[in-house]
N, C-alpha and C. Protein backbone atom coordinates (compact mmCIF):
# COMPACT_ATOMS: atom_id res chain seq x y z
N MET A 1 -1.08 -15.25 -6.22
CA MET A 1 -1.05 -15.79 -4.64
C MET A 1 -0.90 -14.30 -3.32
N VAL A 2 -0.01 -13.63 -4.23
CA VAL A 2 0.42 -12.01 -3.41
C VAL A 2 -0.85 -11.29 -3.55
N PRO A 3 -1.73 -10.91 -4.42
CA PRO A 3 -2.89 -10.30 -4.39
C PRO A 3 -3.66 -10.67 -3.44
N VAL A 4 -4.08 -12.03 -3.48
CA VAL A 4 -5.03 -12.76 -2.43
C VAL A 4 -4.53 -11.87 -0.83
N ALA A 5 -3.13 -12.38 -0.54
CA ALA A 5 -2.57 -12.00 0.67
C ALA A 5 -2.84 -10.41 1.14
N TYR A 6 -2.85 -9.65 -0.26
CA TYR A 6 -2.84 -8.17 0.50
C TYR A 6 -4.49 -7.87 0.86
N MET A 7 -5.28 -8.87 -0.05
CA MET A 7 -6.73 -8.69 0.49
C MET A 7 -7.06 -8.91 1.81
N LEU A 8 -6.52 -10.18 2.19
CA LEU A 8 -6.93 -10.78 3.51
C LEU A 8 -6.43 -9.80 4.52
N LEU A 9 -5.00 -9.41 4.24
CA LEU A 9 -4.34 -8.40 5.16
C LEU A 9 -5.28 -7.26 5.55
N TYR A 10 -5.95 -6.75 4.35
CA TYR A 10 -7.18 -5.47 4.56
C TYR A 10 -8.16 -5.97 4.86
N GLN A 11 -8.79 -7.00 4.83
CA GLN A 11 -9.73 -7.52 5.62
C GLN A 11 -9.69 -7.77 7.18
N TYR A 12 -8.71 -8.45 7.27
CA TYR A 12 -8.64 -8.95 8.84
C TYR A 12 -7.78 -8.10 9.74
N PHE A 13 -7.17 -7.15 9.30
CA PHE A 13 -6.64 -6.19 10.14
C PHE A 13 -7.07 -5.04 9.67
N ARG A 14 -7.89 -3.93 10.99
CA ARG A 14 -8.39 -2.85 10.22
C ARG A 14 -7.38 -1.55 10.84
N THR A 15 -6.73 -1.84 11.93
CA THR A 15 -6.02 -0.48 12.24
C THR A 15 -4.27 -0.89 11.47
N TRP A 16 -4.25 0.51 11.65
CA TRP A 16 -2.61 0.20 11.12
C TRP A 16 -1.73 -0.27 11.63
N LYS A 17 -1.64 -0.21 12.94
CA LYS A 17 -0.52 -1.03 13.68
C LYS A 17 -0.57 -2.41 13.25
N SER A 18 -2.19 -3.20 13.77
CA SER A 18 -1.91 -4.53 13.40
C SER A 18 -1.76 -4.96 12.00
N PHE A 19 -2.38 -3.74 11.16
CA PHE A 19 -2.22 -4.07 9.55
C PHE A 19 -0.55 -4.05 8.93
N ILE A 20 0.29 -3.06 9.67
CA ILE A 20 1.77 -3.01 9.31
C ILE A 20 2.07 -4.16 9.97
N LEU A 21 1.77 -4.58 11.20
CA LEU A 21 2.84 -5.94 11.81
C LEU A 21 2.44 -7.13 11.04
N ALA A 22 1.26 -7.37 10.75
CA ALA A 22 0.68 -8.63 9.63
C ALA A 22 1.50 -8.05 8.36
N GLN A 23 1.78 -7.11 8.09
CA GLN A 23 2.27 -6.81 6.47
C GLN A 23 4.00 -7.20 6.66
N ILE A 24 4.65 -6.74 7.76
CA ILE A 24 5.98 -7.09 8.09
C ILE A 24 5.93 -8.93 7.98
N ILE A 25 5.13 -9.24 8.65
CA ILE A 25 5.23 -10.99 8.86
C ILE A 25 5.07 -11.46 7.60
N MET A 26 4.20 -11.10 6.49
CA MET A 26 3.96 -11.78 5.29
C MET A 26 4.82 -11.42 4.35
N ALA A 27 5.46 -9.87 4.56
CA ALA A 27 6.88 -9.88 3.70
C ALA A 27 7.91 -10.72 3.87
N LEU A 28 7.95 -10.78 5.50
CA LEU A 28 9.33 -11.58 5.45
C LEU A 28 9.00 -13.04 5.20
N THR A 29 8.06 -13.44 5.10
CA THR A 29 7.28 -14.87 4.69
C THR A 29 7.66 -15.12 3.36
N TYR A 30 7.03 -14.05 2.29
CA TYR A 30 7.32 -14.46 0.94
C TYR A 30 8.60 -13.87 0.47
N ALA A 31 9.51 -13.05 1.17
CA ALA A 31 10.80 -12.66 0.46
C ALA A 31 11.66 -13.43 0.94
N TYR A 32 11.79 -14.31 2.17
CA TYR A 32 13.04 -14.77 2.54
C TYR A 32 12.36 -16.57 2.87
N ILE A 33 11.40 -17.05 2.09
CA ILE A 33 10.74 -18.00 2.41
C ILE A 33 10.08 -18.33 1.14
N GLY A 34 9.29 -17.82 0.51
CA GLY A 34 8.58 -18.03 -0.63
C GLY A 34 9.59 -17.74 -1.54
N GLU A 35 10.40 -16.88 -1.91
CA GLU A 35 10.85 -16.48 -3.24
C GLU A 35 12.22 -17.36 -3.22
N PRO A 36 13.20 -17.84 -2.02
CA PRO A 36 14.22 -18.73 -2.24
C PRO A 36 14.03 -20.27 -2.49
N PHE A 37 12.49 -20.57 -1.87
CA PHE A 37 11.85 -21.79 -2.54
C PHE A 37 11.40 -21.79 -3.93
N CYS A 38 10.80 -21.04 -4.26
CA CYS A 38 10.79 -20.60 -6.01
C CYS A 38 11.95 -20.45 -6.79
N GLU A 39 12.85 -19.84 -6.88
CA GLU A 39 14.17 -19.99 -7.25
C GLU A 39 14.87 -21.39 -7.11
N TRP A 40 14.80 -21.81 -5.76
CA TRP A 40 15.08 -23.36 -5.59
C TRP A 40 14.60 -24.48 -6.58
N VAL A 41 13.38 -24.58 -6.99
CA VAL A 41 12.79 -24.83 -7.88
C VAL A 41 12.42 -24.68 -9.09
N LYS A 42 13.19 -24.14 -9.55
CA LYS A 42 13.83 -23.05 -10.70
C LYS A 42 12.11 -22.57 -11.13
N LEU A 43 11.21 -22.02 -10.44
CA LEU A 43 10.08 -21.23 -11.35
C LEU A 43 11.08 -19.96 -11.78
N VAL A 44 11.75 -19.10 -10.94
CA VAL A 44 12.59 -18.20 -11.14
C VAL A 44 13.83 -17.76 -11.21
N ASN A 45 14.69 -17.01 -11.87
CA ASN A 45 16.02 -16.76 -11.88
C ASN A 45 16.22 -15.10 -11.55
N TYR A 46 16.64 -14.85 -10.53
CA TYR A 46 16.78 -13.49 -9.94
C TYR A 46 18.56 -13.42 -10.35
N LEU A 47 18.39 -12.04 -11.24
CA LEU A 47 19.74 -11.35 -11.88
C LEU A 47 20.14 -10.15 -11.00
N GLU A 48 20.87 -10.09 -10.18
CA GLU A 48 21.41 -8.82 -9.39
C GLU A 48 19.80 -8.90 -8.67
N TRP A 49 19.24 -9.45 -7.91
CA TRP A 49 18.14 -9.08 -6.99
C TRP A 49 18.55 -9.89 -5.50
N ARG A 50 18.55 -9.08 -4.77
CA ARG A 50 18.15 -9.36 -3.58
C ARG A 50 16.81 -9.56 -3.03
N TYR A 51 16.86 -10.75 -1.83
CA TYR A 51 15.36 -10.64 -1.10
C TYR A 51 15.18 -9.75 -0.36
N ARG A 52 16.21 -8.81 0.36
CA ARG A 52 15.62 -7.71 0.85
C ARG A 52 15.03 -6.39 0.27
N TYR A 53 15.44 -6.37 -1.47
CA TYR A 53 14.35 -5.95 -1.98
C TYR A 53 13.22 -5.73 -2.00
N SER A 54 12.75 -7.37 -2.25
CA SER A 54 11.53 -7.60 -1.99
C SER A 54 10.81 -7.49 -0.99
N PHE A 55 11.76 -7.47 0.06
CA PHE A 55 10.96 -7.33 1.67
C PHE A 55 10.70 -6.00 1.53
N ILE A 56 11.30 -5.02 1.04
CA ILE A 56 10.77 -3.80 1.09
C ILE A 56 9.86 -3.09 0.34
N TYR A 57 9.84 -4.11 -0.74
CA TYR A 57 8.65 -4.00 -1.98
C TYR A 57 7.68 -4.24 -1.12
N TYR A 58 7.37 -5.36 -1.10
CA TYR A 58 6.16 -5.58 -0.35
C TYR A 58 5.60 -5.17 0.77
N ILE A 59 6.40 -4.63 1.62
CA ILE A 59 5.80 -3.31 2.65
C ILE A 59 5.49 -2.14 2.14
N ILE A 60 6.23 -1.42 0.69
CA ILE A 60 5.77 -0.49 0.18
C ILE A 60 4.43 -0.72 -0.56
N VAL A 61 4.26 -1.85 -1.31
CA VAL A 61 3.07 -1.99 -1.89
C VAL A 61 2.02 -2.18 -0.88
N GLY A 62 2.26 -2.68 0.16
CA GLY A 62 0.95 -3.25 1.02
C GLY A 62 0.42 -1.67 1.69
N ILE A 63 1.21 -0.77 1.69
CA ILE A 63 0.81 0.81 2.94
C ILE A 63 0.36 1.40 1.75
N VAL A 64 1.16 1.87 0.36
CA VAL A 64 0.45 2.47 -0.48
C VAL A 64 -1.47 1.85 -0.79
N THR A 65 -0.97 0.80 -1.27
CA THR A 65 -2.34 -0.10 -1.33
C THR A 65 -3.41 0.20 -0.50
N ARG A 66 -3.12 -0.05 0.90
CA ARG A 66 -4.30 0.34 1.64
C ARG A 66 -4.57 1.90 2.19
N ALA A 67 -3.41 2.51 2.08
CA ALA A 67 -3.66 3.84 1.97
C ALA A 67 -4.77 4.71 0.68
N LEU A 68 -4.41 4.27 -0.41
CA LEU A 68 -5.03 4.62 -1.30
C LEU A 68 -6.43 4.18 -1.34
N ILE A 69 -6.87 2.94 -0.58
CA ILE A 69 -8.12 2.44 -0.62
C ILE A 69 -9.05 2.89 0.63
N LEU A 70 -8.31 3.02 1.33
CA LEU A 70 -8.96 4.03 2.84
C LEU A 70 -9.29 5.17 1.89
N LYS A 71 -8.19 6.01 1.32
CA LYS A 71 -8.55 7.39 0.63
C LYS A 71 -9.65 7.13 -0.45
N LEU A 72 -9.85 6.25 -1.38
CA LEU A 72 -10.94 6.01 -1.83
C LEU A 72 -12.59 5.67 -1.25
N ALA A 73 -12.18 5.03 -0.50
CA ALA A 73 -13.24 4.66 0.50
C ALA A 73 -14.27 5.89 1.25
N SER A 74 -13.22 6.77 1.68
CA SER A 74 -13.68 7.96 2.12
C SER A 74 -14.36 8.93 1.04
N LEU A 75 -13.81 8.75 -0.11
CA LEU A 75 -14.34 9.62 -0.87
C LEU A 75 -15.65 9.60 -1.51
N SER A 76 -15.75 8.10 -1.52
CA SER A 76 -16.74 7.49 -2.09
C SER A 76 -18.26 7.65 -0.98
N LYS A 77 -17.91 7.75 0.49
CA LYS A 77 -18.90 7.94 1.15
C LYS A 77 -19.94 9.04 1.11
N PRO A 78 -21.43 9.00 1.02
CA PRO A 78 -22.12 10.45 1.21
C PRO A 78 -21.65 11.57 1.87
N GLN A 79 -21.57 12.78 1.88
CA GLN A 79 -21.03 13.88 2.10
C GLN A 79 -22.51 14.19 3.36
N ASP A 80 -22.36 14.93 4.15
CA ASP A 80 -23.78 15.42 4.99
C ASP A 80 -23.60 16.61 4.67
N LEU A 81 -24.63 17.28 3.92
CA LEU A 81 -24.82 18.77 3.49
C LEU A 81 -25.93 19.45 3.97
N THR A 82 -26.46 18.67 5.37
CA THR A 82 -26.97 19.56 6.17
C THR A 82 -26.16 20.34 7.21
N THR A 83 -26.49 21.55 7.09
CA THR A 83 -25.90 22.57 8.22
C THR A 83 -26.55 22.60 9.16
N LYS A 84 -25.76 23.04 10.13
CA LYS A 84 -26.78 23.65 11.71
C LYS A 84 -26.19 24.71 11.94
């Protein structure tokens, strides 16, 4: 479910400002609602892990992934070889 959220954020939020804002909202939702719910229904059991670690992790992964995708996309574009 997390990779799908990253793909949707990348697709629908084109600017860095809107992407980071949406990324923060997603990270808050997953870290402070999704993970406690999963722990409550006994899907996971965290040992020495805090939800704020997950919050930071979600943001870092999203930013690094978007930066990498944008870099790869710019490298795959054909270069203009004509000189003027």
